[in-house]
Amino acid sequence: MDILFANYGINIIRRDGRIFIIFDAGGIVVQMIEIEITEEESLKAQKSERDAYELIIKLQNEKRPYKKIH
């Protein structure tokens, strides 16, 4: 696993040739989740805090499969 980016409240990692974003999707309680993203999405999220936020909203609205991180 390689950490590609860690800022704006997100981590972007590469594992087994795939890229994932990890962020807190919880409300009152921290709930870290991991979602696979594209290279293009990864680059967009790294541009600014606003771009990272927009990507998170997009991923949640698309209801992409995710994995809870404990």
PDB file of N, CA and C in Angstrom:
ATOM      1  N   MET A   1       0.844  -1.174   0.000  1.00  0.00           N
ATOM      2  CA  MET A   1       0.000   0.000   0.000  1.00  0.00           C
ATOM      3  C   MET A   1       0.891   1.241   0.000  1.00  0.00           C
ATOM      4  N   ASP A   2       0.607   2.155  -0.903  1.00  0.00           N
ATOM      5  CA  ASP A   2       1.325   3.426  -0.977  1.00  0.00           C
ATOM      6  C   ASP A   2       0.347   4.558  -0.691  1.00  0.00           C
ATOM      7  N   ILE A   3       0.737   5.471   0.182  1.00  0.00           N
ATOM      8  CA  ILE A   3      -0.079   6.655   0.433  1.00  0.00           C
ATOM      9  C   ILE A   3       0.280   7.687  -0.632  1.00  0.00           C
ATOM     10  N   LEU A   4      -0.687   8.050  -1.457  1.00  0.00           N
ATOM     11  CA  LEU A   4      -0.469   9.016  -2.524  1.00  0.00           C
ATOM     12  C   LEU A   4      -0.712  10.444  -2.062  1.00  0.00           C
ATOM     13  N   PHE A   5      -1.647  10.601  -1.114  1.00  0.00           N
ATOM     14  CA  PHE A   5      -2.044  11.942  -0.678  1.00  0.00           C
ATOM     15  C   PHE A   5      -2.701  11.835   0.687  1.00  0.00           C
ATOM     16  N   ALA A   6      -2.394  12.782   1.553  1.00  0.00           N
ATOM     17  CA  ALA A   6      -3.025  12.833   2.878  1.00  0.00           C
ATOM     18  C   ALA A   6      -3.186  14.298   3.272  1.00  0.00           C
ATOM     19  N   ASN A   7      -4.380  14.826   3.016  1.00  0.00           N
ATOM     20  CA  ASN A   7      -4.695  16.211   3.350  1.00  0.00           C
ATOM     21  C   ASN A   7      -6.189  16.417   3.149  1.00  0.00           C
ATOM     22  N   TYR A   8      -6.698  17.563   3.550  1.00  0.00           N
ATOM     23  CA  TYR A   8      -8.116  17.915   3.385  1.00  0.00           C
ATOM     24  C   TYR A   8      -9.051  16.896   4.036  1.00  0.00           C
ATOM     25  N   GLY A   9      -8.570  16.149   5.022  1.00  0.00           N
ATOM     26  CA  GLY A   9      -9.411  15.165   5.698  1.00  0.00           C
ATOM     27  C   GLY A   9      -9.585  13.866   4.936  1.00  0.00           C
ATOM     28  N   ILE A  10      -8.757  13.660   3.910  1.00  0.00           N
ATOM     29  CA  ILE A  10      -8.827  12.423   3.125  1.00  0.00           C
ATOM     30  C   ILE A  10      -7.444  11.795   3.006  1.00  0.00           C
ATOM     31  N   ASN A  11      -7.432  10.512   2.768  1.00  0.00           N
ATOM     32  CA  ASN A  11      -6.221   9.801   2.375  1.00  0.00           C
ATOM     33  C   ASN A  11      -6.514   9.139   1.044  1.00  0.00           C
ATOM     34  N   ILE A  12      -5.573   9.222   0.128  1.00  0.00           N
ATOM     35  CA  ILE A  12      -5.680   8.515  -1.141  1.00  0.00           C
ATOM     36  C   ILE A  12      -4.526   7.529  -1.182  1.00  0.00           C
ATOM     37  N   ILE A  13      -4.869   6.264  -1.391  1.00  0.00           N
ATOM     38  CA  ILE A  13      -3.855   5.214  -1.386  1.00  0.00           C
ATOM     39  C   ILE A  13      -3.919   4.398  -2.678  1.00  0.00           C
ATOM     40  N   ARG A  14      -2.794   3.745  -2.982  1.00  0.00           N
ATOM     41  CA  ARG A  14      -2.749   2.795  -4.087  1.00  0.00           C
ATOM     42  C   ARG A  14      -2.429   1.426  -3.483  1.00  0.00           C
ATOM     43  N   ARG A  15      -3.266   0.449  -3.798  1.00  0.00           N
ATOM     44  CA  ARG A  15      -3.079  -0.912  -3.296  1.00  0.00           C
ATOM     45  C   ARG A  15      -3.403  -1.884  -4.423  1.00  0.00           C
ATOM     46  N   ASP A  16      -2.484  -2.759  -4.703  1.00  0.00           N
ATOM     47  CA  ASP A  16      -2.677  -3.766  -5.753  1.00  0.00           C
ATOM     48  C   ASP A  16      -3.063  -3.125  -7.087  1.00  0.00           C
ATOM     49  N   GLY A  17      -2.459  -1.974  -7.398  1.00  0.00           N
ATOM     50  CA  GLY A  17      -2.713  -1.305  -8.666  1.00  0.00           C
ATOM     51  C   GLY A  17      -4.022  -0.541  -8.738  1.00  0.00           C
ATOM     52  N   ARG A  18      -4.749  -0.484  -7.644  1.00  0.00           N
ATOM     53  CA  ARG A  18      -6.036   0.225  -7.601  1.00  0.00           C
ATOM     54  C   ARG A  18      -5.912   1.413  -6.649  1.00  0.00           C
ATOM     55  N   ILE A  19      -6.721   2.450  -6.888  1.00  0.00           N
ATOM     56  CA  ILE A  19      -6.663   3.667  -6.074  1.00  0.00           C
ATOM     57  C   ILE A  19      -7.926   3.762  -5.220  1.00  0.00           C
ATOM     58  N   PHE A  20      -7.733   4.113  -3.954  1.00  0.00           N
ATOM     59  CA  PHE A  20      -8.841   4.228  -3.010  1.00  0.00           C
ATOM     60  C   PHE A  20      -8.760   5.561  -2.280  1.00  0.00           C
ATOM     61  N   ILE A  21      -9.918   6.099  -1.929  1.00  0.00           N
ATOM     62  CA  ILE A  21      -9.994   7.277  -1.073  1.00  0.00           C
ATOM     63  C   ILE A  21     -10.567   6.821   0.269  1.00  0.00           C
ATOM     64  N   ILE A  22      -9.995   7.327   1.338  1.00  0.00           N
ATOM     65  CA  ILE A  22     -10.452   7.002   2.691  1.00  0.00           C
ATOM     66  C   ILE A  22     -10.839   8.318   3.368  1.00  0.00           C
ATOM     67  N   PHE A  23     -12.036   8.345   3.952  1.00  0.00           N
ATOM     68  CA  PHE A  23     -12.498   9.563   4.617  1.00  0.00           C
ATOM     69  C   PHE A  23     -13.515   9.209   5.690  1.00  0.00           C
ATOM     70  N   ASP A  24     -13.784  10.178   6.558  1.00  0.00           N
ATOM     71  CA  ASP A  24     -14.756  10.005   7.638  1.00  0.00           C
ATOM     72  C   ASP A  24     -16.145  10.338   7.110  1.00  0.00           C
ATOM     73  N   ALA A  25     -17.006   9.337   7.030  1.00  0.00           N
ATOM     74  CA  ALA A  25     -18.376   9.533   6.546  1.00  0.00           C
ATOM     75  C   ALA A  25     -19.368   9.587   7.700  1.00  0.00           C
ATOM     76  N   GLY A  26     -18.854   9.576   8.922  1.00  0.00           N
ATOM     77  CA  GLY A  26     -19.732   9.568  10.088  1.00  0.00           C
ATOM     78  C   GLY A  26     -20.256  10.949  10.429  1.00  0.00           C
ATOM     79  N   GLY A  27     -21.240  10.963  11.277  1.00  0.00           N
ATOM     80  CA  GLY A  27     -21.794  12.215  11.771  1.00  0.00           C
ATOM     81  C   GLY A  27     -21.183  12.505  13.123  1.00  0.00           C
ATOM     82  N   ILE A  28     -21.850  12.034  14.163  1.00  0.00           N
ATOM     83  CA  ILE A  28     -21.361  12.233  15.524  1.00  0.00           C
ATOM     84  C   ILE A  28     -20.202  11.287  15.821  1.00  0.00           C
ATOM     85  N   VAL A  29     -20.295  10.076  15.319  1.00  0.00           N
ATOM     86  CA  VAL A  29     -19.269   9.058  15.543  1.00  0.00           C
ATOM     87  C   VAL A  29     -18.416   8.930  14.285  1.00  0.00           C
ATOM     88  N   VAL A  30     -17.113   8.819  14.468  1.00  0.00           N
ATOM     89  CA  VAL A  30     -16.211   8.648  13.328  1.00  0.00           C
ATOM     90  C   VAL A  30     -16.510   7.324  12.634  1.00  0.00           C
ATOM     91  N   GLN A  31     -16.692   7.374  11.332  1.00  0.00           N
ATOM     92  CA  GLN A  31     -16.923   6.170  10.526  1.00  0.00           C
ATOM     93  C   GLN A  31     -16.072   6.291   9.265  1.00  0.00           C
ATOM     94  N   MET A  32     -14.869   5.723   9.325  1.00  0.00           N
ATOM     95  CA  MET A  32     -13.956   5.792   8.189  1.00  0.00           C
ATOM     96  C   MET A  32     -14.383   4.772   7.140  1.00  0.00           C
ATOM     97  N   ILE A  33     -14.461   5.238   5.894  1.00  0.00           N
ATOM     98  CA  ILE A  33     -14.795   4.323   4.806  1.00  0.00           C
ATOM     99  C   ILE A  33     -13.781   4.473   3.678  1.00  0.00           C
ATOM    100  N   GLU A  34     -13.709   3.421   2.874  1.00  0.00           N
ATOM    101  CA  GLU A  34     -12.775   3.355   1.756  1.00  0.00           C
ATOM    102  C   GLU A  34     -13.569   3.056   0.490  1.00  0.00           C
ATOM    103  N   ILE A  35     -13.339   3.857  -0.561  1.00  0.00           N
ATOM    104  CA  ILE A  35     -14.038   3.685  -1.832  1.00  0.00           C
ATOM    105  C   ILE A  35     -13.006   3.705  -2.952  1.00  0.00           C
ATOM    106  N   GLU A  36     -13.142   2.789  -3.893  1.00  0.00           N
ATOM    107  CA  GLU A  36     -12.249   2.790  -5.050  1.00  0.00           C
ATOM    108  C   GLU A  36     -12.601   3.964  -5.959  1.00  0.00           C
ATOM    109  N   ILE A  37     -11.564   4.662  -6.434  1.00  0.00           N
ATOM    110  CA  ILE A  37     -11.756   5.803  -7.330  1.00  0.00           C
ATOM    111  C   ILE A  37     -10.830   5.675  -8.534  1.00  0.00           C
ATOM    112  N   THR A  38     -11.086   6.505  -9.532  1.00  0.00           N
ATOM    113  CA  THR A  38     -10.250   6.511 -10.731  1.00  0.00           C
ATOM    114  C   THR A  38      -9.041   7.425 -10.524  1.00  0.00           C
ATOM    115  N   GLU A  39      -8.077   7.300 -11.415  1.00  0.00           N
ATOM    116  CA  GLU A  39      -6.901   8.177 -11.388  1.00  0.00           C
ATOM    117  C   GLU A  39      -7.336   9.640 -11.542  1.00  0.00           C
ATOM    118  N   GLU A  40      -8.285   9.885 -12.437  1.00  0.00           N
ATOM    119  CA  GLU A  40      -8.794  11.243 -12.661  1.00  0.00           C
ATOM    120  C   GLU A  40      -9.434  11.807 -11.389  1.00  0.00           C
ATOM    121  N   GLU A  41     -10.233  10.996 -10.712  1.00  0.00           N
ATOM    122  CA  GLU A  41     -10.863  11.436  -9.460  1.00  0.00           C
ATOM    123  C   GLU A  41      -9.809  11.707  -8.393  1.00  0.00           C
ATOM    124  N   SER A  42      -8.777  10.878  -8.365  1.00  0.00           N
ATOM    125  CA  SER A  42      -7.691  11.063  -7.411  1.00  0.00           C
ATOM    126  C   SER A  42      -7.008  12.411  -7.614  1.00  0.00           C
ATOM    127  N   LEU A  43      -6.710  12.730  -8.848  1.00  0.00           N
ATOM    128  CA  LEU A  43      -6.042  13.999  -9.153  1.00  0.00           C
ATOM    129  C   LEU A  43      -6.930  15.189  -8.814  1.00  0.00           C
ATOM    130  N   LYS A  44      -8.216  15.080  -9.103  1.00  0.00           N
ATOM    131  CA  LYS A  44      -9.154  16.165  -8.781  1.00  0.00           C
ATOM    132  C   LYS A  44      -9.194  16.406  -7.272  1.00  0.00           C
ATOM    133  N   ALA A  45      -9.282  15.341  -6.484  1.00  0.00           N
ATOM    134  CA  ALA A  45      -9.386  15.470  -5.026  1.00  0.00           C
ATOM    135  C   ALA A  45      -8.149  16.123  -4.422  1.00  0.00           C
ATOM    136  N   GLN A  46      -7.016  16.000  -5.092  1.00  0.00           N
ATOM    137  CA  GLN A  46      -5.773  16.558  -4.573  1.00  0.00           C
ATOM    138  C   GLN A  46      -5.603  18.044  -4.890  1.00  0.00           C
ATOM    139  N   LYS A  47      -6.445  18.584  -5.755  1.00  0.00           N
ATOM    140  CA  LYS A  47      -6.309  19.987  -6.175  1.00  0.00           C
ATOM    141  C   LYS A  47      -6.618  20.978  -5.061  1.00  0.00           C
ATOM    142  N   SER A  48      -7.715  20.736  -4.340  1.00  0.00           N
ATOM    143  CA  SER A  48      -8.124  21.684  -3.297  1.00  0.00           C
ATOM    144  C   SER A  48      -9.090  21.006  -2.334  1.00  0.00           C
ATOM    145  N   GLU A  49      -9.304  21.650  -1.207  1.00  0.00           N
ATOM    146  CA  GLU A  49     -10.253  21.126  -0.229  1.00  0.00           C
ATOM    147  C   GLU A  49     -11.658  21.052  -0.827  1.00  0.00           C
ATOM    148  N   ARG A  50     -12.021  22.050  -1.618  1.00  0.00           N
ATOM    149  CA  ARG A  50     -13.344  22.064  -2.257  1.00  0.00           C
ATOM    150  C   ARG A  50     -13.495  20.900  -3.243  1.00  0.00           C
ATOM    151  N   ASP A  51     -12.457  20.645  -4.039  1.00  0.00           N
ATOM    152  CA  ASP A  51     -12.505  19.531  -4.990  1.00  0.00           C
ATOM    153  C   ASP A  51     -12.631  18.196  -4.256  1.00  0.00           C
ATOM    154  N   ALA A  52     -11.915  18.055  -3.141  1.00  0.00           N
ATOM    155  CA  ALA A  52     -12.007  16.826  -2.348  1.00  0.00           C
ATOM    156  C   ALA A  52     -13.429  16.656  -1.812  1.00  0.00           C
ATOM    157  N   TYR A  53     -14.011  17.735  -1.295  1.00  0.00           N
ATOM    158  CA  TYR A  53     -15.377  17.697  -0.772  1.00  0.00           C
ATOM    159  C   TYR A  53     -16.374  17.328  -1.873  1.00  0.00           C
ATOM    160  N   GLU A  54     -16.223  17.944  -3.045  1.00  0.00           N
ATOM    161  CA  GLU A  54     -17.126  17.649  -4.163  1.00  0.00           C
ATOM    162  C   GLU A  54     -17.044  16.184  -4.579  1.00  0.00           C
ATOM    163  N   LEU A  55     -15.841  15.618  -4.566  1.00  0.00           N
ATOM    164  CA  LEU A  55     -15.693  14.202  -4.913  1.00  0.00           C
ATOM    165  C   LEU A  55     -16.389  13.320  -3.878  1.00  0.00           C
ATOM    166  N   ILE A  56     -16.221  13.630  -2.601  1.00  0.00           N
ATOM    167  CA  ILE A  56     -16.871  12.835  -1.551  1.00  0.00           C
ATOM    168  C   ILE A  56     -18.392  12.864  -1.720  1.00  0.00           C
ATOM    169  N   ILE A  57     -18.948  14.038  -1.967  1.00  0.00           N
ATOM    170  CA  ILE A  57     -20.399  14.151  -2.176  1.00  0.00           C
ATOM    171  C   ILE A  57     -20.819  13.330  -3.393  1.00  0.00           C
ATOM    172  N   LYS A  58     -20.063  13.421  -4.471  1.00  0.00           N
ATOM    173  CA  LYS A  58     -20.358  12.657  -5.691  1.00  0.00           C
ATOM    174  C   LYS A  58     -20.352  11.153  -5.401  1.00  0.00           C
ATOM    175  N   LEU A  59     -19.335  10.687  -4.693  1.00  0.00           N
ATOM    176  CA  LEU A  59     -19.231   9.256  -4.383  1.00  0.00           C
ATOM    177  C   LEU A  59     -20.403   8.794  -3.522  1.00  0.00           C
ATOM    178  N   GLN A  60     -20.779   9.600  -2.546  1.00  0.00           N
ATOM    179  CA  GLN A  60     -21.898   9.233  -1.681  1.00  0.00           C
ATOM    180  C   GLN A  60     -23.213   9.225  -2.452  1.00  0.00           C
ATOM    181  N   ASN A  61     -23.403  10.173  -3.351  1.00  0.00           N
ATOM    182  CA  ASN A  61     -24.630  10.220  -4.151  1.00  0.00           C
ATOM    183  C   ASN A  61     -24.717   9.058  -5.132  1.00  0.00           C
ATOM    184  N   GLU A  62     -23.569   8.619  -5.651  1.00  0.00           N
ATOM    185  CA  GLU A  62     -23.543   7.487  -6.582  1.00  0.00           C
ATOM    186  C   GLU A  62     -23.756   6.159  -5.861  1.00  0.00           C
ATOM    187  N   LYS A  63     -23.636   6.193  -4.549  1.00  0.00           N
ATOM    188  CA  LYS A  63     -23.779   4.980  -3.729  1.00  0.00           C
ATOM    189  C   LYS A  63     -22.829   3.871  -4.198  1.00  0.00           C
ATOM    190  N   ARG A  64     -21.579   4.263  -4.438  1.00  0.00           N
ATOM    191  CA  ARG A  64     -20.568   3.280  -4.829  1.00  0.00           C
ATOM    192  C   ARG A  64     -20.319   2.314  -3.679  1.00  0.00           C
ATOM    193  N   PRO A  65     -19.904   1.109  -4.015  1.00  0.00           N
ATOM    194  CA  PRO A  65     -19.565   0.152  -2.950  1.00  0.00           C
ATOM    195  C   PRO A  65     -18.422   0.710  -2.093  1.00  0.00           C
ATOM    196  N   TYR A  66     -18.496   0.457  -0.810  1.00  0.00           N
ATOM    197  CA  TYR A  66     -17.461   0.938   0.095  1.00  0.00           C
ATOM    198  C   TYR A  66     -17.148  -0.117   1.143  1.00  0.00           C
ATOM    199  N   LYS A  67     -16.026   0.108   1.820  1.00  0.00           N
ATOM    200  CA  LYS A  67     -15.599  -0.788   2.888  1.00  0.00           C
ATOM    201  C   LYS A  67     -15.402   0.056   4.141  1.00  0.00           C
ATOM    202  N   LYS A  68     -15.981  -0.386   5.253  1.00  0.00           N
ATOM    203  CA  LYS A  68     -15.781   0.306   6.523  1.00  0.00           C
ATOM    204  C   LYS A  68     -14.393  -0.042   7.055  1.00  0.00           C
ATOM    205  N   ILE A  69     -13.692   0.972   7.520  1.00  0.00           N
ATOM    206  CA  ILE A  69     -12.361   0.796   8.098  1.00  0.00           C
ATOM    207  C   ILE A  69     -12.509   0.930   9.611  1.00  0.00           C
ATOM    208  N   HIS A  70     -12.065  -0.059  10.343  1.00  0.00           N
ATOM    209  CA  HIS A  70     -12.236  -0.041  11.809  1.00  0.00           C
ATOM    210  C   HIS A  70     -11.060   0.591  12.483  1.00  0.00           C
TER     211      HIS A  70
END
